[in-house]
Amino acid sequence: MNKFVLATGNAHKAEEFAKIFNPEVLEISAAPEKLEVVEDGVTFHENALKKAKAYYDKFKTPILSDDSGICVAALPNELGIHSARFGGDGLTDKDRAMLLLEKMQDEKNREAYFVCVLCFYIDENNIYFFEGRMEGQISDTYTGEHGFGYDPVFKPLAHESDKTIAELAEWKDDNSHRAKACKQAEIFFRERNCQNGKDKL
């Protein structure tokens, strides 16, 4: 089994990881404390690495970090790695989602996708990245009570309905950008365990 400390103070993310990973392959625990890491990278990979290294340097144990966000075709420079800071400081998740709807009000091109990059930082010589995406469109209204962030304004293309992610809690568990990245990581570490003779799964 591979044990990692999760580099985040976001309780929602910790809950999602707990649901997705097979605990016999990857065991994830919360960090003892939240660290303030300056995420000034220009890509999701750079920011995920910055967080992982900061937590590794502090706790001296294998770390899992992620950087994720929503990319909107009509607003190419406003979200992405800036998704959590969209609109400036002091806004709630709903405020940011409503601001996105406002900016998209007269926009015909509503294409968007969520992206998640995971960084597994075992030590300075063993660092692994996995990326997952979920394609979709920005909805016209704020709909749904589940999920968080931009979920209530995002309609996934892979689902046959016209519902937002915030209305598809169970479906999201298996099909989200984070789930896809996690599945890649789980396959990798399962095989790695077997090669190292640590686990005969």
Protein backbone atom coordinates (compact mmCIF):
# COMPACT_ATOMS: atom_id res chain seq x y z
CA MET A 1 0.00 0.00 0.00
CA ASN A 2 1.11 3.56 -0.72
CA LYS A 3 0.36 6.15 1.94
CA PHE A 4 0.17 9.85 1.06
CA VAL A 5 -0.72 13.00 2.95
CA LEU A 6 -3.11 15.24 1.06
CA ALA A 7 -1.81 18.77 0.53
CA THR A 8 -5.01 20.75 0.88
CA GLY A 9 -7.23 22.46 3.40
CA ASN A 10 -10.31 21.82 1.24
CA ALA A 11 -12.54 19.33 3.04
CA HIS A 12 -14.59 18.70 -0.12
CA LYS A 13 -11.52 17.50 -2.00
CA ALA A 14 -10.51 15.19 0.82
CA GLU A 15 -13.99 13.64 0.76
CA GLU A 16 -13.81 13.12 -3.02
CA PHE A 17 -10.43 11.41 -2.83
CA ALA A 18 -11.70 9.11 -0.07
CA LYS A 19 -14.58 8.03 -2.32
CA ILE A 20 -12.47 7.48 -5.43
CA PHE A 21 -9.33 5.63 -4.33
CA ASN A 22 -9.19 1.94 -3.46
CA PRO A 23 -7.76 2.05 0.09
CA GLU A 24 -5.87 -1.20 -0.59
CA VAL A 25 -3.84 0.62 -3.24
CA LEU A 26 -3.65 4.23 -2.06
CA GLU A 27 -4.33 5.44 1.45
CA ILE A 28 -4.82 9.21 1.71
CA SER A 29 -4.86 11.14 4.97
CA ALA A 30 -5.34 14.83 5.67
CA ALA A 31 -2.36 17.05 6.35
CA PRO A 32 -1.87 17.90 10.05
CA GLU A 33 -2.16 21.56 9.15
CA LYS A 34 -2.83 23.74 6.14
CA LEU A 35 0.16 25.48 4.61
CA GLU A 36 -0.06 28.77 2.77
CA VAL A 37 1.62 28.07 -0.56
CA VAL A 38 2.10 30.78 -3.19
CA GLU A 39 0.62 29.29 -6.36
CA ASP A 40 2.34 31.50 -8.91
CA GLY A 41 2.94 28.83 -11.55
CA VAL A 42 1.60 29.34 -15.06
CA THR A 43 0.25 25.80 -15.45
CA PHE A 44 -1.75 23.34 -13.34
CA HIS A 45 1.33 21.07 -13.25
CA GLU A 46 3.55 23.81 -11.86
CA ASN A 47 1.11 24.73 -9.10
CA ALA A 48 0.50 21.10 -8.14
CA LEU A 49 4.26 20.59 -7.85
CA LYS A 50 4.71 23.77 -5.76
CA LYS A 51 2.09 22.57 -3.28
CA ALA A 52 3.46 19.04 -3.12
CA LYS A 53 7.04 20.19 -2.53
CA ALA A 54 6.01 22.68 0.16
CA TYR A 55 4.14 19.99 2.10
CA TYR A 56 6.91 17.45 1.57
CA ASP A 57 9.53 19.88 2.86
CA LYS A 58 7.37 20.52 5.93
CA PHE A 59 6.20 17.01 6.83
CA LYS A 60 8.92 14.81 5.26
CA THR A 61 6.41 12.23 4.03
CA PRO A 62 4.99 11.31 0.60
CA ILE A 63 2.51 13.95 -0.51
CA LEU A 64 -0.45 14.05 -2.88
CA SER A 65 -1.41 17.46 -4.20
CA ASP A 66 -3.70 18.59 -6.95
CA ASP A 67 -4.41 21.70 -8.91
CA SER A 68 -7.69 21.96 -10.70
CA GLY A 69 -9.99 24.47 -12.30
CA ILE A 70 -12.40 25.22 -15.08
CA CYS A 71 -11.31 26.45 -18.51
CA VAL A 72 -13.88 28.40 -20.53
CA ALA A 73 -13.30 28.88 -24.26
CA ALA A 74 -14.95 32.31 -24.36
CA LEU A 75 -12.87 33.55 -21.39
CA PRO A 76 -9.45 32.04 -22.13
CA ASN A 77 -7.44 34.19 -19.72
CA GLU A 78 -9.85 34.61 -16.82
CA LEU A 79 -10.27 31.16 -15.28
CA GLY A 80 -8.04 28.09 -15.67
CA ILE A 81 -5.34 28.27 -12.98
CA HIS A 82 -7.12 31.39 -11.68
CA SER A 83 -10.48 29.63 -11.14
CA ALA A 84 -10.36 29.80 -7.34
CA ARG A 85 -9.53 33.52 -7.48
CA PHE A 86 -11.91 34.48 -10.31
CA GLY A 87 -13.51 37.82 -9.55
CA GLY A 88 -11.06 38.71 -6.79
CA ASP A 89 -10.93 38.14 -3.04
CA GLY A 90 -13.95 37.91 -0.78
CA LEU A 91 -16.25 36.01 -3.14
CA THR A 92 -17.98 32.76 -2.23
CA ASP A 93 -18.13 29.77 -4.57
CA LYS A 94 -21.63 30.79 -5.57
CA ASP A 95 -20.52 34.39 -6.17
CA ARG A 96 -17.87 33.19 -8.61
CA ALA A 97 -20.28 30.87 -10.40
CA MET A 98 -22.85 33.65 -10.72
CA LEU A 99 -20.17 36.02 -12.02
CA LEU A 100 -19.28 33.45 -14.67
CA LEU A 101 -22.95 33.23 -15.73
CA GLU A 102 -23.09 37.02 -15.93
CA LYS A 103 -20.01 37.21 -18.15
CA MET A 104 -21.41 34.44 -20.36
CA GLN A 105 -24.89 35.94 -20.63
CA ASP A 106 -24.66 36.91 -24.31
CA GLU A 107 -22.00 34.40 -25.32
CA LYS A 108 -22.93 31.73 -27.86
CA ASN A 109 -19.76 29.65 -27.42
CA ARG A 110 -20.33 27.97 -24.05
CA GLU A 111 -17.67 25.25 -24.38
CA ALA A 112 -15.72 24.53 -21.20
CA TYR A 113 -13.88 21.78 -19.41
CA PHE A 114 -12.72 20.95 -15.92
CA VAL A 115 -9.12 19.82 -15.50
CA CYS A 116 -7.37 18.15 -12.57
CA VAL A 117 -3.63 17.53 -12.29
CA LEU A 118 -2.44 15.26 -9.48
CA CYS A 119 1.13 15.32 -8.23
CA PHE A 120 2.38 12.37 -6.18
CA TYR A 121 5.59 13.56 -4.52
CA ILE A 122 7.31 10.55 -2.95
CA ASP A 123 10.69 12.28 -2.71
CA GLU A 124 12.75 14.63 -4.87
CA ASN A 125 13.65 11.77 -7.22
CA ASN A 126 10.21 10.21 -7.53
CA ILE A 127 7.49 12.61 -8.68
CA TYR A 128 4.50 11.49 -10.74
CA PHE A 129 1.76 13.48 -12.49
CA PHE A 130 -1.69 12.39 -13.69
CA GLU A 131 -4.23 14.55 -15.53
CA GLY A 132 -7.98 14.18 -16.02
CA ARG A 133 -10.49 16.29 -17.95
CA MET A 134 -14.25 16.56 -18.14
CA GLU A 135 -15.67 18.28 -21.21
CA GLY A 136 -18.90 20.24 -21.08
CA GLN A 137 -20.69 23.54 -21.43
CA ILE A 138 -21.56 26.47 -19.21
CA SER A 139 -25.27 26.37 -18.38
CA ASP A 140 -27.67 29.31 -18.54
CA THR A 141 -28.70 29.10 -14.90
CA TYR A 142 -27.33 28.13 -11.49
CA THR A 143 -28.87 24.72 -10.85
CA GLY A 144 -28.33 21.92 -8.32
CA GLU A 145 -27.47 21.54 -4.66
CA HIS A 146 -24.61 19.03 -4.71
CA GLY A 147 -20.94 19.50 -5.45
CA PHE A 148 -19.11 22.78 -5.03
CA GLY A 149 -17.36 25.52 -6.97
CA TYR A 150 -18.59 25.75 -10.54
CA ASP A 151 -20.54 22.47 -10.48
CA PRO A 152 -23.98 24.19 -10.55
CA VAL A 153 -23.15 25.99 -13.82
CA PHE A 154 -21.44 23.14 -15.71
CA LYS A 155 -23.23 20.57 -17.90
CA PRO A 156 -21.06 17.55 -18.80
CA LEU A 157 -21.15 16.37 -22.40
CA ALA A 158 -20.72 12.72 -21.40
CA HIS A 159 -24.06 12.61 -19.58
CA GLU A 160 -27.20 12.11 -21.66
CA SER A 161 -29.27 14.58 -19.65
CA ASP A 162 -29.19 18.37 -19.63
CA LYS A 163 -28.33 18.47 -15.92
CA THR A 164 -25.43 20.23 -14.24
CA ILE A 165 -22.77 18.42 -12.25
CA ALA A 166 -24.45 19.70 -9.08
CA GLU A 167 -27.46 17.55 -10.00
CA LEU A 168 -25.37 14.44 -10.76
CA ALA A 169 -23.60 13.64 -7.51
CA GLU A 170 -23.31 9.86 -8.02
CA TRP A 171 -22.36 10.18 -11.68
CA LYS A 172 -19.69 12.74 -10.79
CA ASP A 173 -18.00 10.29 -8.40
CA ASP A 174 -17.05 8.07 -11.35
CA ASN A 175 -16.76 10.55 -14.22
CA SER A 176 -15.32 13.82 -12.96
CA HIS A 177 -11.95 15.22 -14.01
CA ARG A 178 -10.64 14.29 -10.56
CA ALA A 179 -12.01 10.75 -10.82
CA LYS A 180 -10.29 10.26 -14.17
CA ALA A 181 -6.93 11.46 -12.86
CA CYS A 182 -7.32 9.28 -9.76
CA LYS A 183 -8.11 6.19 -11.81
CA GLN A 184 -4.91 6.68 -13.83
CA ALA A 185 -2.93 7.06 -10.61
CA GLU A 186 -4.51 3.99 -9.03
CA ILE A 187 -3.65 1.83 -12.04
CA PHE A 188 -0.06 3.11 -11.96
CA PHE A 189 0.46 2.49 -8.25
CA ARG A 190 -1.27 -0.89 -8.37
CA GLU A 191 1.23 -1.98 -11.04
CA ARG A 192 4.09 -0.35 -9.16
CA ASN A 193 3.15 -2.25 -6.00
CA CYS A 194 3.20 -5.53 -7.88
CA GLN A 195 6.54 -4.79 -9.51
CA ASN A 196 8.04 -3.94 -6.15
CA GLY A 197 6.59 -7.08 -4.58
CA LYS A 198 4.75 -4.99 -1.98
CA ASP A 199 1.27 -6.10 -2.92
CA LYS A 200 -0.03 -8.96 -5.04
CA LEU A 201 -3.32 -7.33 -6.09
